[in-house]
Amino acid sequence: MSKTEEALKEAFAGESQANRKYLAFAAKADQEGYPQVARLFRAAAEAETVHAHAHLRALQGVKSTKENLLEAVAGETHEFKSMYPGMIAAAKEEGHKQAERSFQYANDVEQIHAALYQQFVDNLEKGKENHPYYVCSVCGYTAEGSAPDVCPVCGSKGSAFKKVE
């Protein structure tokens, strides 16, 4: 891999993390009654997304939908089979309950994401259907079509789900 490719990957990761962090900062600013600060964080987050997408395009990281689905399945599978189990064990060993719960929720949900992506790998035509998804705001559980009454991963009420069109 060239130095430029390594730099693009590092820049993509950094910009992506900044986007997520700034959105969390915006939510906190809103919660504390600073709407203009929240707007600035959201604007900066959007700019970071522009940068991240530009870096990903330069890496030729967006391919056909089928290829993107296969990459997503591989990534999600790596996370729940290889990445998170070790993190869960380390957090448990260190007695870091909040991290353990965070890792466990993510691990459980990544398995669901891999299965959802695999459905479209197996039948891409199904991807032309049109229905919303619902995401649990506590653990990230993702449901097709409608929110469950209770999240099967974390036990949150259905009202904790955000509709994604």
Protein backbone atom coordinates (compact mmCIF):
# COMPACT_ATOMS: atom_id res chain seq x y z
CA MET A 1 0.00 0.00 0.00
CA SER A 2 1.35 3.43 -0.93
CA LYS A 3 1.92 6.24 1.56
CA THR A 4 -0.93 8.14 -0.06
CA GLU A 5 -3.32 5.22 0.37
CA GLU A 6 -2.29 4.86 4.01
CA ALA A 7 -2.82 8.59 4.50
CA LEU A 8 -6.24 8.44 2.86
CA LYS A 9 -7.28 5.56 5.13
CA GLU A 10 -6.04 7.43 8.20
CA ALA A 11 -7.78 10.63 7.09
CA PHE A 12 -11.02 8.75 6.37
CA ALA A 13 -10.95 7.20 9.84
CA GLY A 14 -10.19 10.52 11.52
CA GLU A 15 -12.88 12.45 9.66
CA SER A 16 -15.42 9.69 10.33
CA GLN A 17 -14.65 9.71 14.04
CA ALA A 18 -14.82 13.50 14.17
CA ASN A 19 -18.27 13.39 12.55
CA ARG A 20 -19.64 11.03 15.18
CA LYS A 21 -17.96 12.85 18.04
CA TYR A 22 -19.27 16.25 16.92
CA LEU A 23 -22.81 14.87 16.64
CA ALA A 24 -22.53 13.61 20.23
CA PHE A 25 -21.18 17.02 21.27
CA ALA A 26 -24.13 18.69 19.51
CA ALA A 27 -26.63 16.54 21.39
CA LYS A 28 -24.97 17.51 24.68
CA ALA A 29 -24.96 21.22 23.77
CA ASP A 30 -28.69 20.98 22.92
CA GLN A 31 -29.33 19.22 26.23
CA GLU A 32 -27.47 21.97 28.11
CA GLY A 33 -29.37 24.75 26.33
CA TYR A 34 -26.74 25.94 23.83
CA PRO A 35 -28.56 25.66 20.48
CA GLN A 36 -26.05 27.74 18.51
CA VAL A 37 -23.12 25.67 19.76
CA ALA A 38 -25.10 22.56 18.81
CA ARG A 39 -25.66 23.95 15.30
CA LEU A 40 -21.95 24.62 14.92
CA PHE A 41 -21.11 21.06 15.99
CA ARG A 42 -23.68 19.67 13.52
CA ALA A 43 -22.32 21.89 10.72
CA ALA A 44 -18.76 20.78 11.44
CA ALA A 45 -19.94 17.16 11.56
CA GLU A 46 -21.47 17.58 8.11
CA ALA A 47 -18.21 19.07 6.83
CA GLU A 48 -16.29 16.11 8.27
CA THR A 49 -18.66 13.82 6.34
CA VAL A 50 -17.85 15.70 3.13
CA HIS A 51 -14.14 15.16 3.82
CA ALA A 52 -14.58 11.48 4.71
CA HIS A 53 -16.57 10.78 1.56
CA ALA A 54 -13.96 12.54 -0.58
CA HIS A 55 -11.20 10.43 0.97
CA LEU A 56 -13.21 7.24 0.45
CA ARG A 57 -13.82 8.14 -3.21
CA ALA A 58 -10.08 8.77 -3.65
CA LEU A 59 -9.48 5.29 -2.24
CA GLN A 60 -12.02 3.93 -4.74
CA GLY A 61 -13.80 2.52 -1.70
CA VAL A 62 -17.35 2.66 -3.05
CA LYS A 63 -18.09 -0.04 -5.58
CA SER A 64 -21.25 -1.67 -6.92
CA THR A 65 -24.08 -2.24 -4.46
CA LYS A 66 -23.43 -6.00 -4.52
CA GLU A 67 -19.72 -5.47 -3.80
CA ASN A 68 -20.55 -2.95 -1.06
CA LEU A 69 -22.96 -5.45 0.52
CA LEU A 70 -20.31 -8.17 0.48
CA GLU A 71 -17.84 -5.81 2.12
CA ALA A 72 -20.43 -4.84 4.74
CA VAL A 73 -21.16 -8.51 5.55
CA ALA A 74 -17.43 -9.18 5.92
CA GLY A 75 -16.93 -6.14 8.14
CA GLU A 76 -19.87 -6.86 10.42
CA THR A 77 -18.89 -10.53 10.65
CA HIS A 78 -15.32 -9.60 11.60
CA GLU A 79 -16.66 -7.35 14.34
CA PHE A 80 -18.91 -9.93 16.01
CA LYS A 81 -16.61 -12.93 15.50
CA SER A 82 -13.16 -11.42 16.06
CA MET A 83 -13.17 -7.84 17.32
CA TYR A 84 -15.83 -7.53 20.01
CA PRO A 85 -15.38 -10.86 21.84
CA GLY A 86 -11.88 -9.87 22.98
CA MET A 87 -13.05 -6.40 23.94
CA ILE A 88 -15.93 -7.85 25.96
CA ALA A 89 -13.55 -10.22 27.77
CA ALA A 90 -11.09 -7.42 28.57
CA ALA A 91 -13.82 -5.11 29.88
CA LYS A 92 -15.23 -7.94 32.00
CA GLU A 93 -11.77 -8.78 33.38
CA GLU A 94 -11.16 -5.11 34.24
CA GLY A 95 -14.61 -4.69 35.79
CA HIS A 96 -15.59 -1.93 33.35
CA LYS A 97 -19.33 -2.64 33.25
CA GLN A 98 -20.29 0.28 30.99
CA ALA A 99 -17.72 -0.71 28.36
CA GLU A 100 -18.71 -4.36 28.65
CA ARG A 101 -22.37 -3.50 28.05
CA SER A 102 -21.47 -1.18 25.15
CA PHE A 103 -19.33 -3.86 23.50
CA GLN A 104 -21.93 -6.58 24.11
CA TYR A 105 -24.75 -4.52 22.60
CA ALA A 106 -22.60 -3.73 19.57
CA ASN A 107 -21.56 -7.36 19.21
CA ASP A 108 -25.16 -8.56 19.31
CA VAL A 109 -26.33 -5.95 16.82
CA GLU A 110 -23.46 -6.50 14.37
CA GLN A 111 -24.70 -10.08 13.92
CA ILE A 112 -28.12 -8.70 12.99
CA HIS A 113 -26.60 -6.21 10.56
CA ALA A 114 -24.59 -8.96 8.85
CA ALA A 115 -27.78 -10.99 8.43
CA LEU A 116 -29.72 -8.01 7.05
CA TYR A 117 -26.96 -7.29 4.52
CA GLN A 118 -26.73 -10.97 3.61
CA GLN A 119 -30.44 -10.99 2.71
CA PHE A 120 -29.68 -8.49 -0.05
CA VAL A 121 -26.54 -10.32 -1.15
CA ASP A 122 -28.74 -13.39 -1.61
CA ASN A 123 -31.52 -11.47 -3.37
CA LEU A 124 -30.50 -8.01 -4.51
CA GLU A 125 -33.91 -7.43 -6.11
CA LYS A 126 -35.38 -7.33 -2.61
CA GLY A 127 -33.38 -4.09 -2.22
CA LYS A 128 -35.87 -2.36 -4.50
CA GLU A 129 -38.60 -2.76 -1.86
CA ASN A 130 -39.51 0.32 0.13
CA HIS A 131 -40.02 0.12 3.87
CA PRO A 132 -38.43 1.85 6.84
CA TYR A 133 -36.01 0.49 9.41
CA TYR A 134 -36.14 1.26 13.11
CA VAL A 135 -33.01 1.65 15.22
CA CYS A 136 -32.95 1.36 19.01
CA SER A 137 -31.41 4.52 20.45
CA VAL A 138 -29.96 2.55 23.36
CA CYS A 139 -28.21 -0.42 21.74
CA GLY A 140 -28.53 0.07 17.97
CA TYR A 141 -30.74 -2.96 17.32
CA THR A 142 -32.11 -2.60 13.81
CA ALA A 143 -35.59 -3.81 12.87
CA GLU A 144 -37.19 -4.03 9.45
CA GLY A 145 -40.63 -2.56 8.78
CA SER A 146 -41.71 -1.67 12.32
CA ALA A 147 -40.28 -1.16 15.76
CA PRO A 148 -40.76 -4.00 18.22
CA ASP A 149 -42.67 -3.33 21.44
CA VAL A 150 -39.51 -4.22 23.37
CA CYS A 151 -35.95 -4.29 22.05
CA PRO A 152 -34.75 -7.90 21.93
CA VAL A 153 -31.16 -6.85 22.69
CA CYS A 154 -31.41 -4.31 25.52
CA GLY A 155 -35.04 -4.46 26.62
CA SER A 156 -35.85 -0.82 25.85
CA LYS A 157 -39.42 0.14 25.01
CA GLY A 158 -40.48 0.55 21.39
CA SER A 159 -40.60 4.31 21.92
CA ALA A 160 -36.77 4.25 22.07
CA PHE A 161 -36.63 3.40 18.36
CA LYS A 162 -35.84 5.98 15.69
CA LYS A 163 -37.43 5.54 12.25
CA VAL A 164 -34.97 5.52 9.33
CA GLU A 165 -36.47 6.09 5.89
